Amino acid sequence: MNKLALALALSAMALAACSTASGPTFSASELQPRDGVRTFQVDCHGLLSGPQTCMKAARRICGDEPVRAVDSARALRDKSDPATLVFQCGAAPAAAAPAAEPAAAVVERVNLSGDALFATDHATLAPTARESLDRLLSERADRTYSQVTVTGFTDSVGSDDYNLALSKRRAESVAAYLKAHGLKTDAMTVSGRGKADPVASNATPEGRASNRRVEIRLQH
C-alpha cells in the first residue's frame, strides 16, 4: 500500500471512528523501518477505545497480510490515556541460523621412545630412529600442518640440568631431520623437558626406557 492510499484509508477510518466524543478514535502513522521492514503505529483514544480498536485499525492497514505486533503498550493511569500498537505487516522473518562453531583442531601424536633411538648420552639419531621418522614422513607427504611441536624427555638418572639439556638436543635432532626431509609445516616449536612428565616408573629399566622419548605433535 503506498503512502497516499494509506493516508486516504486512515482518514476515512478516522472520520468514521470520531462520530462521538467518547466513541472509539485512533490515529495512525508510519514510523522509521525496523530491520528494513515498514513499521506503523496506531494510538487508540476515547472511553470505548482499547487494544481491539488498535488491532482493527492495524488489520485495515495491513489488508490481506497478517498483523505482527512489534511493540505494544497500554497506559494504566486512567481510561483517557491511549493504547498504542506498533506493528508490521506480514509474517515474521525466519530466524537466522546459528553460526557454526569452528571445528576443533586435529592433532596427530607420534611418540618415539626406547634406547634404539639415540646412543647413551648422545643426541645423534640412530638408524632405527631415522627409519621411524622416514615412515612418518612418507605417510604424511601430502599434508601441510599449521604447527608442529617436538618435545624431548629423559629418565630420572642424572642431574636435572644435564637431562634438560640432553632432552632438548634430542628434540632438536628430530626436528632438524623432519625439516631436512620435507615435512611441511607453517611453524615448528622445539623444547626439552628433561625428566618431567614421565609416562612410566623410573624404578625399572623398562620404565626408564619408555621415559627416554621424543614426542611429536602435528596440528592441522
N, C-alpha and C. Protein backbone atom coordinates (compact mmCIF):
# COMPACT_ATOMS: atom_id res chain seq x y z
N MET A 1 0.85 -1.18 0.00
CA MET A 1 0.00 0.00 0.00
C MET A 1 0.89 1.23 0.00
N ASN A 2 0.68 2.20 -0.96
CA ASN A 2 1.52 3.38 -0.98
C ASN A 2 1.05 4.38 0.06
N LYS A 3 1.85 5.43 0.27
CA LYS A 3 1.55 6.37 1.35
C LYS A 3 0.25 7.11 1.12
N LEU A 4 -0.04 7.47 -0.17
CA LEU A 4 -1.28 8.19 -0.46
C LEU A 4 -2.48 7.33 -0.13
N ALA A 5 -2.45 6.06 -0.57
CA ALA A 5 -3.57 5.16 -0.28
C ALA A 5 -3.71 4.96 1.21
N LEU A 6 -2.58 4.82 1.91
CA LEU A 6 -2.62 4.65 3.36
C LEU A 6 -3.24 5.87 4.02
N ALA A 7 -2.83 7.07 3.58
CA ALA A 7 -3.37 8.29 4.18
C ALA A 7 -4.87 8.39 3.96
N LEU A 8 -5.35 8.08 2.74
CA LEU A 8 -6.78 8.13 2.46
C LEU A 8 -7.54 7.14 3.31
N ALA A 9 -7.00 5.93 3.43
CA ALA A 9 -7.68 4.91 4.22
C ALA A 9 -7.75 5.32 5.68
N LEU A 10 -6.66 5.85 6.20
CA LEU A 10 -6.63 6.26 7.61
C LEU A 10 -7.57 7.43 7.85
N SER A 11 -7.63 8.35 6.90
CA SER A 11 -8.54 9.49 7.05
C SER A 11 -9.98 9.03 7.10
N ALA A 12 -10.33 8.11 6.20
CA ALA A 12 -11.70 7.60 6.18
C ALA A 12 -12.03 6.89 7.47
N MET A 13 -11.10 6.09 7.98
CA MET A 13 -11.35 5.37 9.22
C MET A 13 -11.47 6.34 10.38
N ALA A 14 -10.63 7.38 10.39
CA ALA A 14 -10.67 8.34 11.48
C ALA A 14 -12.00 9.07 11.51
N LEU A 15 -12.52 9.48 10.35
CA LEU A 15 -13.80 10.17 10.29
C LEU A 15 -14.92 9.27 10.79
N ALA A 16 -14.87 8.02 10.38
CA ALA A 16 -15.92 7.09 10.81
C ALA A 16 -15.81 6.83 12.29
N ALA A 17 -14.60 6.82 12.84
CA ALA A 17 -14.42 6.48 14.24
C ALA A 17 -14.73 7.63 15.17
N CYS A 18 -14.73 8.86 14.70
CA CYS A 18 -14.90 10.03 15.56
C CYS A 18 -16.34 10.51 15.58
N SER A 19 -17.32 9.64 15.51
CA SER A 19 -18.71 10.04 15.44
C SER A 19 -19.22 10.61 16.76
N THR A 20 -18.59 10.21 17.91
CA THR A 20 -18.98 10.77 19.21
C THR A 20 -17.72 11.10 19.96
N ALA A 21 -17.84 12.02 20.92
CA ALA A 21 -16.66 12.45 21.67
C ALA A 21 -16.08 11.32 22.48
N SER A 22 -16.95 10.43 22.98
CA SER A 22 -16.46 9.34 23.83
C SER A 22 -16.30 8.03 23.08
N GLY A 23 -16.62 8.03 21.77
CA GLY A 23 -16.51 6.81 20.99
C GLY A 23 -15.07 6.47 20.69
N PRO A 24 -14.86 5.32 20.04
CA PRO A 24 -13.50 4.89 19.74
C PRO A 24 -12.86 5.76 18.67
N THR A 25 -11.71 6.30 18.94
CA THR A 25 -10.95 7.07 17.97
C THR A 25 -9.52 6.57 17.96
N PHE A 26 -8.84 6.83 16.86
CA PHE A 26 -7.45 6.40 16.78
C PHE A 26 -6.71 7.31 15.80
N SER A 27 -5.41 7.30 15.92
CA SER A 27 -4.55 7.98 14.95
C SER A 27 -3.47 6.99 14.54
N ALA A 28 -3.06 7.07 13.29
CA ALA A 28 -2.08 6.12 12.76
C ALA A 28 -0.96 6.88 12.07
N SER A 29 0.23 6.31 12.13
CA SER A 29 1.38 6.92 11.47
C SER A 29 2.36 5.83 11.08
N GLU A 30 3.19 6.16 10.10
CA GLU A 30 4.24 5.23 9.69
C GLU A 30 5.55 5.67 10.33
N LEU A 31 6.23 4.73 10.99
CA LEU A 31 7.49 5.01 11.67
C LEU A 31 8.67 4.70 10.75
N GLN A 32 9.85 4.92 11.26
CA GLN A 32 11.05 4.51 10.53
C GLN A 32 11.07 2.99 10.42
N PRO A 33 11.49 2.46 9.28
CA PRO A 33 11.54 1.00 9.14
C PRO A 33 12.42 0.37 10.22
N ARG A 34 12.04 -0.83 10.63
CA ARG A 34 12.84 -1.61 11.57
C ARG A 34 13.33 -2.87 10.85
N ASP A 35 14.63 -3.04 10.86
CA ASP A 35 15.23 -4.18 10.17
C ASP A 35 14.82 -4.22 8.71
N GLY A 36 14.65 -3.02 8.12
CA GLY A 36 14.31 -2.93 6.71
C GLY A 36 12.85 -3.18 6.38
N VAL A 37 11.97 -3.27 7.40
CA VAL A 37 10.56 -3.57 7.18
C VAL A 37 9.73 -2.36 7.58
N ARG A 38 8.73 -1.98 6.75
CA ARG A 38 7.85 -0.86 7.07
C ARG A 38 7.16 -1.11 8.40
N THR A 39 7.11 -0.07 9.23
CA THR A 39 6.59 -0.21 10.59
C THR A 39 5.58 0.91 10.83
N PHE A 40 4.46 0.57 11.48
CA PHE A 40 3.37 1.51 11.71
C PHE A 40 3.05 1.58 13.20
N GLN A 41 2.39 2.68 13.57
CA GLN A 41 1.92 2.84 14.95
C GLN A 41 0.49 3.34 14.93
N VAL A 42 -0.35 2.75 15.76
CA VAL A 42 -1.73 3.18 15.94
C VAL A 42 -1.93 3.52 17.41
N ASP A 43 -2.43 4.74 17.69
CA ASP A 43 -2.79 5.17 19.04
C ASP A 43 -4.31 5.24 19.12
N CYS A 44 -4.89 4.54 20.07
CA CYS A 44 -6.34 4.48 20.21
C CYS A 44 -6.77 5.29 21.43
N HIS A 45 -7.76 6.21 21.23
CA HIS A 45 -8.18 7.14 22.27
C HIS A 45 -9.66 6.94 22.57
N GLY A 46 -10.11 7.51 23.67
CA GLY A 46 -11.52 7.52 23.97
C GLY A 46 -11.92 6.46 24.97
N LEU A 47 -13.10 6.66 25.56
CA LEU A 47 -13.57 5.75 26.59
C LEU A 47 -13.78 4.34 26.07
N LEU A 48 -14.20 4.23 24.82
CA LEU A 48 -14.51 2.91 24.27
C LEU A 48 -13.35 2.32 23.47
N SER A 49 -12.22 3.02 23.45
CA SER A 49 -11.07 2.51 22.70
C SER A 49 -10.26 1.55 23.55
N GLY A 50 -9.51 0.71 22.89
CA GLY A 50 -8.66 -0.25 23.59
C GLY A 50 -7.85 -1.03 22.60
N PRO A 51 -7.23 -2.09 23.06
CA PRO A 51 -6.39 -2.89 22.16
C PRO A 51 -7.12 -3.40 20.93
N GLN A 52 -8.40 -3.77 21.08
CA GLN A 52 -9.14 -4.28 19.94
C GLN A 52 -9.35 -3.21 18.88
N THR A 53 -9.55 -1.96 19.34
CA THR A 53 -9.69 -0.86 18.39
C THR A 53 -8.40 -0.69 17.59
N CYS A 54 -7.27 -0.74 18.30
CA CYS A 54 -5.98 -0.62 17.62
C CYS A 54 -5.77 -1.77 16.64
N MET A 55 -6.14 -2.99 17.06
CA MET A 55 -5.93 -4.15 16.20
C MET A 55 -6.80 -4.07 14.94
N LYS A 56 -8.04 -3.61 15.09
CA LYS A 56 -8.91 -3.47 13.92
C LYS A 56 -8.31 -2.47 12.94
N ALA A 57 -7.79 -1.36 13.46
CA ALA A 57 -7.18 -0.37 12.58
C ALA A 57 -5.94 -0.95 11.90
N ALA A 58 -5.16 -1.72 12.64
CA ALA A 58 -3.95 -2.32 12.07
C ALA A 58 -4.32 -3.30 10.96
N ARG A 59 -5.39 -4.08 11.17
CA ARG A 59 -5.80 -5.05 10.14
C ARG A 59 -6.21 -4.34 8.85
N ARG A 60 -6.86 -3.18 9.00
CA ARG A 60 -7.25 -2.43 7.80
C ARG A 60 -6.01 -1.94 7.04
N ILE A 61 -5.00 -1.51 7.78
CA ILE A 61 -3.78 -1.03 7.14
C ILE A 61 -3.05 -2.17 6.43
N CYS A 62 -2.98 -3.34 7.08
CA CYS A 62 -2.24 -4.47 6.51
C CYS A 62 -3.00 -5.19 5.41
N GLY A 63 -4.32 -5.01 5.37
CA GLY A 63 -5.09 -5.67 4.33
C GLY A 63 -5.06 -7.19 4.46
N ASP A 64 -4.59 -7.87 3.41
CA ASP A 64 -4.56 -9.33 3.41
C ASP A 64 -3.40 -9.91 4.21
N GLU A 65 -2.45 -9.08 4.59
CA GLU A 65 -1.29 -9.59 5.32
C GLU A 65 -1.57 -9.63 6.82
N PRO A 66 -0.98 -10.58 7.53
CA PRO A 66 -1.20 -10.65 8.98
C PRO A 66 -0.54 -9.47 9.69
N VAL A 67 -1.14 -9.08 10.83
CA VAL A 67 -0.58 -8.03 11.67
C VAL A 67 0.40 -8.66 12.65
N ARG A 68 1.59 -8.12 12.69
CA ARG A 68 2.61 -8.65 13.61
C ARG A 68 3.05 -7.52 14.54
N ALA A 69 2.66 -7.64 15.83
CA ALA A 69 2.99 -6.62 16.81
C ALA A 69 4.50 -6.59 17.03
N VAL A 70 5.07 -5.39 16.96
CA VAL A 70 6.49 -5.21 17.23
C VAL A 70 6.69 -4.74 18.66
N ASP A 71 5.83 -3.82 19.09
CA ASP A 71 5.92 -3.30 20.45
C ASP A 71 4.54 -2.78 20.80
N SER A 72 4.01 -3.19 21.92
CA SER A 72 2.70 -2.72 22.33
C SER A 72 2.75 -2.27 23.77
N ALA A 73 1.99 -1.23 24.09
CA ALA A 73 1.94 -0.72 25.46
C ALA A 73 0.58 -0.09 25.68
N ARG A 74 0.07 -0.21 26.87
CA ARG A 74 -1.21 0.41 27.19
C ARG A 74 -1.07 1.16 28.49
N ALA A 75 -1.41 2.45 28.47
CA ALA A 75 -1.28 3.25 29.68
C ALA A 75 -2.25 2.75 30.73
N LEU A 76 -1.82 2.77 32.00
CA LEU A 76 -2.61 2.20 33.08
C LEU A 76 -3.14 3.27 34.04
N ARG A 77 -2.78 4.53 33.83
CA ARG A 77 -3.15 5.54 34.83
C ARG A 77 -4.64 5.84 34.81
N ASP A 78 -5.25 6.02 33.61
CA ASP A 78 -6.69 6.25 33.53
C ASP A 78 -7.14 5.94 32.11
N LYS A 79 -8.46 5.91 31.92
CA LYS A 79 -9.02 5.44 30.65
C LYS A 79 -8.80 6.43 29.51
N SER A 80 -8.45 7.68 29.82
CA SER A 80 -8.25 8.64 28.74
C SER A 80 -6.89 8.50 28.08
N ASP A 81 -5.96 7.75 28.71
CA ASP A 81 -4.66 7.53 28.10
C ASP A 81 -4.79 6.59 26.92
N PRO A 82 -3.97 6.75 25.91
CA PRO A 82 -4.13 5.92 24.71
C PRO A 82 -3.55 4.52 24.88
N ALA A 83 -4.13 3.60 24.15
CA ALA A 83 -3.49 2.30 23.94
C ALA A 83 -2.71 2.41 22.64
N THR A 84 -1.51 1.86 22.61
CA THR A 84 -0.63 2.03 21.46
C THR A 84 -0.22 0.68 20.92
N LEU A 85 -0.26 0.55 19.60
CA LEU A 85 0.19 -0.68 18.95
C LEU A 85 1.18 -0.30 17.86
N VAL A 86 2.39 -0.82 17.97
CA VAL A 86 3.40 -0.66 16.93
C VAL A 86 3.50 -2.00 16.22
N PHE A 87 3.40 -2.00 14.90
CA PHE A 87 3.26 -3.28 14.20
C PHE A 87 3.87 -3.21 12.82
N GLN A 88 4.05 -4.39 12.25
CA GLN A 88 4.46 -4.55 10.87
C GLN A 88 3.48 -5.50 10.20
N CYS A 89 3.43 -5.44 8.90
CA CYS A 89 2.53 -6.31 8.14
C CYS A 89 3.33 -7.48 7.56
N GLY A 90 2.75 -8.66 7.65
CA GLY A 90 3.41 -9.84 7.10
C GLY A 90 3.95 -10.74 8.17
N ALA A 91 4.30 -11.95 7.76
CA ALA A 91 4.83 -12.93 8.70
C ALA A 91 6.21 -12.51 9.18
N ALA A 92 6.57 -12.97 10.37
CA ALA A 92 7.88 -12.66 10.93
C ALA A 92 8.97 -13.28 10.07
N PRO A 93 10.07 -12.57 9.85
CA PRO A 93 11.17 -13.16 9.07
C PRO A 93 11.75 -14.36 9.78
N ALA A 94 12.23 -15.30 9.00
CA ALA A 94 12.82 -16.51 9.59
C ALA A 94 14.05 -16.14 10.40
N ALA A 95 14.19 -16.80 11.54
CA ALA A 95 15.35 -16.56 12.40
C ALA A 95 16.63 -17.00 11.70
N ALA A 96 17.66 -16.22 11.87
CA ALA A 96 18.94 -16.58 11.25
C ALA A 96 19.50 -17.85 11.88
N ALA A 97 20.05 -18.69 11.06
CA ALA A 97 20.64 -19.93 11.57
C ALA A 97 21.83 -19.59 12.45
N PRO A 98 21.99 -20.30 13.56
CA PRO A 98 23.15 -20.03 14.43
C PRO A 98 24.46 -20.27 13.70
N ALA A 99 25.42 -19.43 14.01
CA ALA A 99 26.73 -19.57 13.37
C ALA A 99 27.37 -20.90 13.74
N ALA A 100 27.93 -21.54 12.76
CA ALA A 100 28.56 -22.84 13.02
C ALA A 100 29.81 -22.65 13.86
N GLU A 101 29.98 -23.53 14.83
CA GLU A 101 31.17 -23.46 15.67
C GLU A 101 32.38 -23.93 14.87
N PRO A 102 33.50 -23.25 15.08
CA PRO A 102 34.70 -23.68 14.35
C PRO A 102 35.09 -25.10 14.74
N ALA A 103 35.53 -25.84 13.75
CA ALA A 103 35.92 -27.22 14.01
C ALA A 103 37.16 -27.26 14.90
N ALA A 104 37.17 -28.22 15.78
CA ALA A 104 38.32 -28.38 16.67
C ALA A 104 39.55 -28.78 15.86
N ALA A 105 40.68 -28.25 16.26
CA ALA A 105 41.93 -28.56 15.56
C ALA A 105 42.25 -30.05 15.71
N VAL A 106 42.65 -30.66 14.61
CA VAL A 106 43.03 -32.08 14.62
C VAL A 106 44.52 -32.16 14.90
N VAL A 107 44.87 -32.94 15.93
CA VAL A 107 46.27 -33.08 16.33
C VAL A 107 46.67 -34.54 16.25
N GLU A 108 47.73 -34.81 15.51
CA GLU A 108 48.31 -36.15 15.46
C GLU A 108 49.48 -36.21 16.44
N ARG A 109 49.61 -37.34 17.11
CA ARG A 109 50.69 -37.51 18.09
C ARG A 109 51.53 -38.72 17.72
N VAL A 110 52.83 -38.53 17.68
CA VAL A 110 53.77 -39.62 17.40
C VAL A 110 54.78 -39.65 18.55
N ASN A 111 54.97 -40.83 19.13
CA ASN A 111 55.87 -40.98 20.28
C ASN A 111 57.03 -41.90 19.89
N LEU A 112 58.24 -41.38 19.95
CA LEU A 112 59.44 -42.17 19.67
C LEU A 112 60.14 -42.42 21.00
N SER A 113 60.23 -43.68 21.40
CA SER A 113 60.84 -43.97 22.70
C SER A 113 61.73 -45.20 22.61
N GLY A 114 62.59 -45.37 23.61
CA GLY A 114 63.46 -46.54 23.68
C GLY A 114 64.91 -46.20 23.38
N ASP A 115 65.78 -47.09 23.79
CA ASP A 115 67.22 -46.87 23.63
C ASP A 115 67.68 -46.97 22.19
N ALA A 116 66.85 -47.52 21.30
CA ALA A 116 67.27 -47.69 19.91
C ALA A 116 67.30 -46.37 19.15
N LEU A 117 66.73 -45.29 19.73
CA LEU A 117 66.65 -44.01 19.03
C LEU A 117 67.97 -43.24 19.09
N PHE A 118 68.61 -43.26 20.23
CA PHE A 118 69.84 -42.50 20.44
C PHE A 118 70.85 -43.36 21.20
N ALA A 119 72.10 -43.13 20.94
CA ALA A 119 73.14 -43.77 21.76
C ALA A 119 73.12 -43.14 23.15
N THR A 120 73.58 -43.87 24.14
CA THR A 120 73.57 -43.37 25.51
C THR A 120 74.31 -42.05 25.61
N ASP A 121 73.63 -41.07 26.25
CA ASP A 121 74.19 -39.73 26.48
C ASP A 121 74.49 -38.97 25.20
N HIS A 122 73.88 -39.37 24.09
CA HIS A 122 74.10 -38.67 22.83
C HIS A 122 72.75 -38.23 22.23
N ALA A 123 72.83 -37.28 21.31
CA ALA A 123 71.63 -36.78 20.64
C ALA A 123 71.62 -37.10 19.16
N THR A 124 72.57 -37.91 18.70
CA THR A 124 72.60 -38.29 17.29
C THR A 124 71.58 -39.39 17.03
N LEU A 125 70.79 -39.23 15.98
CA LEU A 125 69.75 -40.21 15.66
C LEU A 125 70.37 -41.54 15.26
N ALA A 126 69.87 -42.61 15.86
CA ALA A 126 70.30 -43.96 15.49
C ALA A 126 69.56 -44.37 14.22
N PRO A 127 70.04 -45.40 13.50
CA PRO A 127 69.34 -45.85 12.29
C PRO A 127 67.87 -46.18 12.54
N THR A 128 67.56 -46.79 13.67
CA THR A 128 66.16 -47.11 13.97
C THR A 128 65.32 -45.84 14.06
N ALA A 129 65.86 -44.80 14.65
CA ALA A 129 65.13 -43.53 14.75
C ALA A 129 64.88 -42.93 13.37
N ARG A 130 65.88 -42.98 12.50
CA ARG A 130 65.71 -42.44 11.15
C ARG A 130 64.66 -43.23 10.37
N GLU A 131 64.63 -44.54 10.57
CA GLU A 131 63.61 -45.35 9.90
C GLU A 131 62.21 -44.95 10.36
N SER A 132 62.05 -44.73 11.66
CA SER A 132 60.74 -44.32 12.19
C SER A 132 60.33 -42.97 11.63
N LEU A 133 61.27 -42.04 11.55
CA LEU A 133 60.96 -40.72 11.02
C LEU A 133 60.69 -40.77 9.52
N ASP A 134 61.41 -41.61 8.79
CA ASP A 134 61.15 -41.76 7.35
C ASP A 134 59.74 -42.28 7.11
N ARG A 135 59.31 -43.20 7.95
CA ARG A 135 57.96 -43.74 7.82
C ARG A 135 56.92 -42.64 8.11
N LEU A 136 57.18 -41.86 9.14
CA LEU A 136 56.28 -40.74 9.46
C LEU A 136 56.18 -39.78 8.28
N LEU A 137 57.31 -39.44 7.68
CA LEU A 137 57.33 -38.50 6.56
C LEU A 137 56.62 -39.07 5.34
N SER A 138 56.81 -40.36 5.07
CA SER A 138 56.18 -40.98 3.91
C SER A 138 54.66 -40.99 4.05
N GLU A 139 54.17 -41.28 5.24
CA GLU A 139 52.73 -41.34 5.47
C GLU A 139 52.07 -39.97 5.41
N ARG A 140 52.84 -38.90 5.58
CA ARG A 140 52.28 -37.55 5.65
C ARG A 140 52.84 -36.64 4.55
N ALA A 141 53.29 -37.23 3.48
CA ALA A 141 53.93 -36.45 2.42
C ALA A 141 52.99 -35.43 1.79
N ASP A 142 51.68 -35.72 1.77
CA ASP A 142 50.73 -34.83 1.11
C ASP A 142 50.05 -33.87 2.09
N ARG A 143 50.53 -33.77 3.30
CA ARG A 143 49.88 -32.93 4.30
C ARG A 143 50.75 -31.72 4.65
N THR A 144 50.06 -30.63 4.98
CA THR A 144 50.73 -29.44 5.50
C THR A 144 50.12 -29.11 6.85
N TYR A 145 50.96 -28.90 7.83
CA TYR A 145 50.50 -28.67 9.19
C TYR A 145 50.65 -27.19 9.56
N SER A 146 49.75 -26.73 10.42
CA SER A 146 49.85 -25.35 10.89
C SER A 146 50.88 -25.21 11.99
N GLN A 147 51.08 -26.26 12.76
CA GLN A 147 52.03 -26.21 13.87
C GLN A 147 52.55 -27.61 14.17
N VAL A 148 53.84 -27.73 14.33
CA VAL A 148 54.46 -28.99 14.76
C VAL A 148 55.27 -28.70 16.01
N THR A 149 55.05 -29.52 17.03
CA THR A 149 55.77 -29.36 18.30
C THR A 149 56.59 -30.62 18.56
N VAL A 150 57.87 -30.45 18.80
CA VAL A 150 58.77 -31.57 19.09
C VAL A 150 59.32 -31.36 20.50
N THR A 151 59.08 -32.34 21.38
CA THR A 151 59.47 -32.21 22.79
C THR A 151 60.27 -33.44 23.22
N GLY A 152 61.44 -33.20 23.81
CA GLY A 152 62.28 -34.29 24.27
C GLY A 152 62.15 -34.52 25.77
N PHE A 153 62.32 -35.80 26.19
CA PHE A 153 62.23 -36.19 27.60
C PHE A 153 63.36 -37.18 27.92
N THR A 154 63.72 -37.28 29.20
CA THR A 154 64.70 -38.26 29.65
C THR A 154 64.13 -39.02 30.84
N ASP A 155 64.90 -40.00 31.32
CA ASP A 155 64.53 -40.64 32.58
C ASP A 155 65.07 -39.80 33.74
N SER A 156 65.02 -40.34 34.95
CA SER A 156 65.41 -39.56 36.12
C SER A 156 66.87 -39.72 36.51
N VAL A 157 67.63 -40.51 35.76
CA VAL A 157 69.04 -40.71 36.08
C VAL A 157 69.84 -39.48 35.64
N GLY A 158 70.68 -38.96 36.52
CA GLY A 158 71.48 -37.79 36.19
C GLY A 158 70.88 -36.53 36.76
N SER A 159 71.63 -35.45 36.64
CA SER A 159 71.17 -34.17 37.20
C SER A 159 70.07 -33.56 36.34
N ASP A 160 69.31 -32.69 36.97
CA ASP A 160 68.21 -32.04 36.25
C ASP A 160 68.74 -31.20 35.08
N ASP A 161 69.81 -30.45 35.32
CA ASP A 161 70.35 -29.60 34.26
C ASP A 161 70.84 -30.43 33.07
N TYR A 162 71.51 -31.51 33.38
CA TYR A 162 72.04 -32.36 32.31
C TYR A 162 70.89 -32.96 31.49
N ASN A 163 69.89 -33.50 32.19
CA ASN A 163 68.76 -34.13 31.49
C ASN A 163 67.98 -33.11 30.67
N LEU A 164 67.84 -31.90 31.20
CA LEU A 164 67.11 -30.87 30.46
C LEU A 164 67.83 -30.53 29.15
N ALA A 165 69.14 -30.39 29.23
CA ALA A 165 69.91 -30.07 28.03
C ALA A 165 69.91 -31.22 27.04
N LEU A 166 70.05 -32.46 27.55
CA LEU A 166 70.07 -33.62 26.67
C LEU A 166 68.72 -33.79 25.96
N SER A 167 67.63 -33.62 26.70
CA SER A 167 66.30 -33.78 26.09
C SER A 167 66.08 -32.76 24.99
N LYS A 168 66.58 -31.55 25.18
CA LYS A 168 66.41 -30.53 24.13
C LYS A 168 67.25 -30.85 22.91
N ARG A 169 68.48 -31.31 23.10
CA ARG A 169 69.33 -31.65 21.96
C ARG A 169 68.70 -32.77 21.14
N ARG A 170 68.12 -33.74 21.82
CA ARG A 170 67.48 -34.84 21.09
C ARG A 170 66.25 -34.36 20.32
N ALA A 171 65.48 -33.47 20.94
CA ALA A 171 64.32 -32.91 20.22
C ALA A 171 64.78 -32.12 19.00
N GLU A 172 65.88 -31.38 19.14
CA GLU A 172 66.41 -30.61 18.02
C GLU A 172 66.89 -31.53 16.89
N SER A 173 67.44 -32.69 17.24
CA SER A 173 67.87 -33.64 16.21
C SER A 173 66.69 -34.15 15.42
N VAL A 174 65.60 -34.47 16.12
CA VAL A 174 64.39 -34.95 15.44
C VAL A 174 63.81 -33.85 14.56
N ALA A 175 63.70 -32.64 15.09
CA ALA A 175 63.13 -31.53 14.33
C ALA A 175 63.96 -31.23 13.08
N ALA A 176 65.27 -31.25 13.23
CA ALA A 176 66.14 -30.97 12.08
C ALA A 176 65.98 -32.03 11.00
N TYR A 177 65.83 -33.28 11.39
CA TYR A 177 65.65 -34.35 10.41
C TYR A 177 64.32 -34.18 9.67
N LEU A 178 63.27 -33.85 10.41
CA LEU A 178 61.96 -33.66 9.77
C LEU A 178 62.00 -32.50 8.78
N LYS A 179 62.62 -31.40 9.16
CA LYS A 179 62.72 -30.25 8.25
C LYS A 179 63.53 -30.59 7.01
N ALA A 180 64.66 -31.25 7.23
CA ALA A 180 65.56 -31.56 6.11
C ALA A 180 64.95 -32.53 5.12
N HIS A 181 64.00 -33.33 5.58
CA HIS A 181 63.42 -34.36 4.71
C HIS A 181 61.98 -34.03 4.28
N GLY A 182 61.62 -32.75 4.35
CA GLY A 182 60.42 -32.30 3.65
C GLY A 182 59.12 -32.25 4.41
N LEU A 183 59.14 -32.32 5.74
CA LEU A 183 57.87 -32.16 6.46
C LEU A 183 57.37 -30.73 6.26
N LYS A 184 56.12 -30.58 5.83
CA LYS A 184 55.56 -29.26 5.53
C LYS A 184 54.79 -28.74 6.73
N THR A 185 55.23 -27.63 7.27
CA THR A 185 54.56 -27.01 8.41
C THR A 185 54.78 -25.50 8.38
N ASP A 186 53.78 -24.76 8.88
CA ASP A 186 53.90 -23.31 8.95
C ASP A 186 54.79 -22.87 10.10
N ALA A 187 54.85 -23.67 11.15
CA ALA A 187 55.66 -23.30 12.32
C ALA A 187 56.09 -24.57 13.05
N MET A 188 57.26 -24.51 13.66
CA MET A 188 57.75 -25.66 14.43
C MET A 188 58.35 -25.15 15.74
N THR A 189 57.96 -25.80 16.83
CA THR A 189 58.45 -25.46 18.16
C THR A 189 59.22 -26.64 18.73
N VAL A 190 60.40 -26.38 19.28
CA VAL A 190 61.25 -27.44 19.82
C VAL A 190 61.58 -27.11 21.27
N SER A 191 61.47 -28.11 22.15
CA SER A 191 61.79 -27.88 23.56
C SER A 191 62.23 -29.18 24.21
N GLY A 192 62.88 -29.04 25.37
CA GLY A 192 63.26 -30.20 26.18
C GLY A 192 62.66 -30.09 27.56
N ARG A 193 62.17 -31.21 28.07
CA ARG A 193 61.52 -31.22 29.38
C ARG A 193 62.28 -32.03 30.41
N GLY A 194 63.41 -32.60 30.03
CA GLY A 194 64.17 -33.38 30.98
C GLY A 194 63.38 -34.56 31.51
N LYS A 195 63.43 -34.76 32.84
CA LYS A 195 62.75 -35.90 33.45
C LYS A 195 61.28 -35.62 33.77
N ALA A 196 60.78 -34.45 33.41
CA ALA A 196 59.39 -34.10 33.71
C ALA A 196 58.42 -35.00 32.93
N ASP A 197 57.23 -35.13 33.46
CA ASP A 197 56.13 -35.85 32.80
C ASP A 197 56.50 -37.27 32.39
N PRO A 198 56.95 -38.11 33.30
CA PRO A 198 57.25 -39.50 32.93
C PRO A 198 55.98 -40.25 32.55
N VAL A 199 56.12 -41.17 31.61
CA VAL A 199 54.98 -42.00 31.20
C VAL A 199 55.03 -43.38 31.85
N ALA A 200 56.11 -43.66 32.57
CA ALA A 200 56.27 -44.95 33.25
C ALA A 200 57.13 -44.73 34.48
N SER A 201 57.23 -45.75 35.30
CA SER A 201 58.04 -45.66 36.51
C SER A 201 59.53 -45.67 36.17
N ASN A 202 60.28 -44.81 36.83
CA ASN A 202 61.73 -44.80 36.65
C ASN A 202 62.44 -45.83 37.54
N ALA A 203 61.65 -46.66 38.23
CA ALA A 203 62.24 -47.66 39.13
C ALA A 203 62.71 -48.90 38.39
N THR A 204 62.32 -49.06 37.12
CA THR A 204 62.71 -50.26 36.36
C THR A 204 63.40 -49.84 35.07
N PRO A 205 64.25 -50.72 34.53
CA PRO A 205 64.89 -50.40 33.24
C PRO A 205 63.88 -50.17 32.13
N GLU A 206 62.82 -50.98 32.13
CA GLU A 206 61.81 -50.83 31.08
C GLU A 206 61.10 -49.47 31.19
N GLY A 207 60.79 -49.08 32.42
CA GLY A 207 60.13 -47.79 32.61
C GLY A 207 61.02 -46.63 32.20
N ARG A 208 62.30 -46.71 32.57
CA ARG A 208 63.23 -45.63 32.19
C ARG A 208 63.39 -45.55 30.67
N ALA A 209 63.38 -46.69 30.01
CA ALA A 209 63.48 -46.68 28.54
C ALA A 209 62.26 -45.99 27.92
N SER A 210 61.09 -46.22 28.50
CA SER A 210 59.88 -45.56 27.98
C SER A 210 59.93 -44.05 28.19
N ASN A 211 60.53 -43.64 29.28
CA ASN A 211 60.60 -42.21 29.58
C ASN A 211 61.62 -41.48 28.71
N ARG A 212 62.60 -42.19 28.19
CA ARG A 212 63.57 -41.57 27.27
C ARG A 212 62.92 -41.53 25.88
N ARG A 213 62.31 -40.41 25.57
CA ARG A 213 61.46 -40.37 24.37
C ARG A 213 61.45 -38.96 23.77
N VAL A 214 60.94 -38.90 22.54
CA VAL A 214 60.66 -37.63 21.87
C VAL A 214 59.22 -37.69 21.37
N GLU A 215 58.42 -36.71 21.77
CA GLU A 215 57.01 -36.65 21.36
C GLU A 215 56.86 -35.60 20.26
N ILE A 216 56.12 -35.99 19.22
CA ILE A 216 55.87 -35.09 18.10
C ILE A 216 54.36 -34.85 18.00
N ARG A 217 53.95 -33.59 18.03
CA ARG A 217 52.54 -33.21 17.86
C ARG A 217 52.41 -32.45 16.55
N LEU A 218 51.54 -32.96 15.68
CA LEU A 218 51.34 -32.36 14.36
C LEU A 218 49.90 -31.85 14.30
N GLN A 219 49.77 -30.55 14.24
CA GLN A 219 48.44 -29.92 14.26
C GLN A 219 48.07 -29.42 12.88
N HIS A 220 46.86 -29.81 12.44
CA HIS A 220 46.38 -29.37 11.12
C HIS A 220 45.95 -27.90 11.17
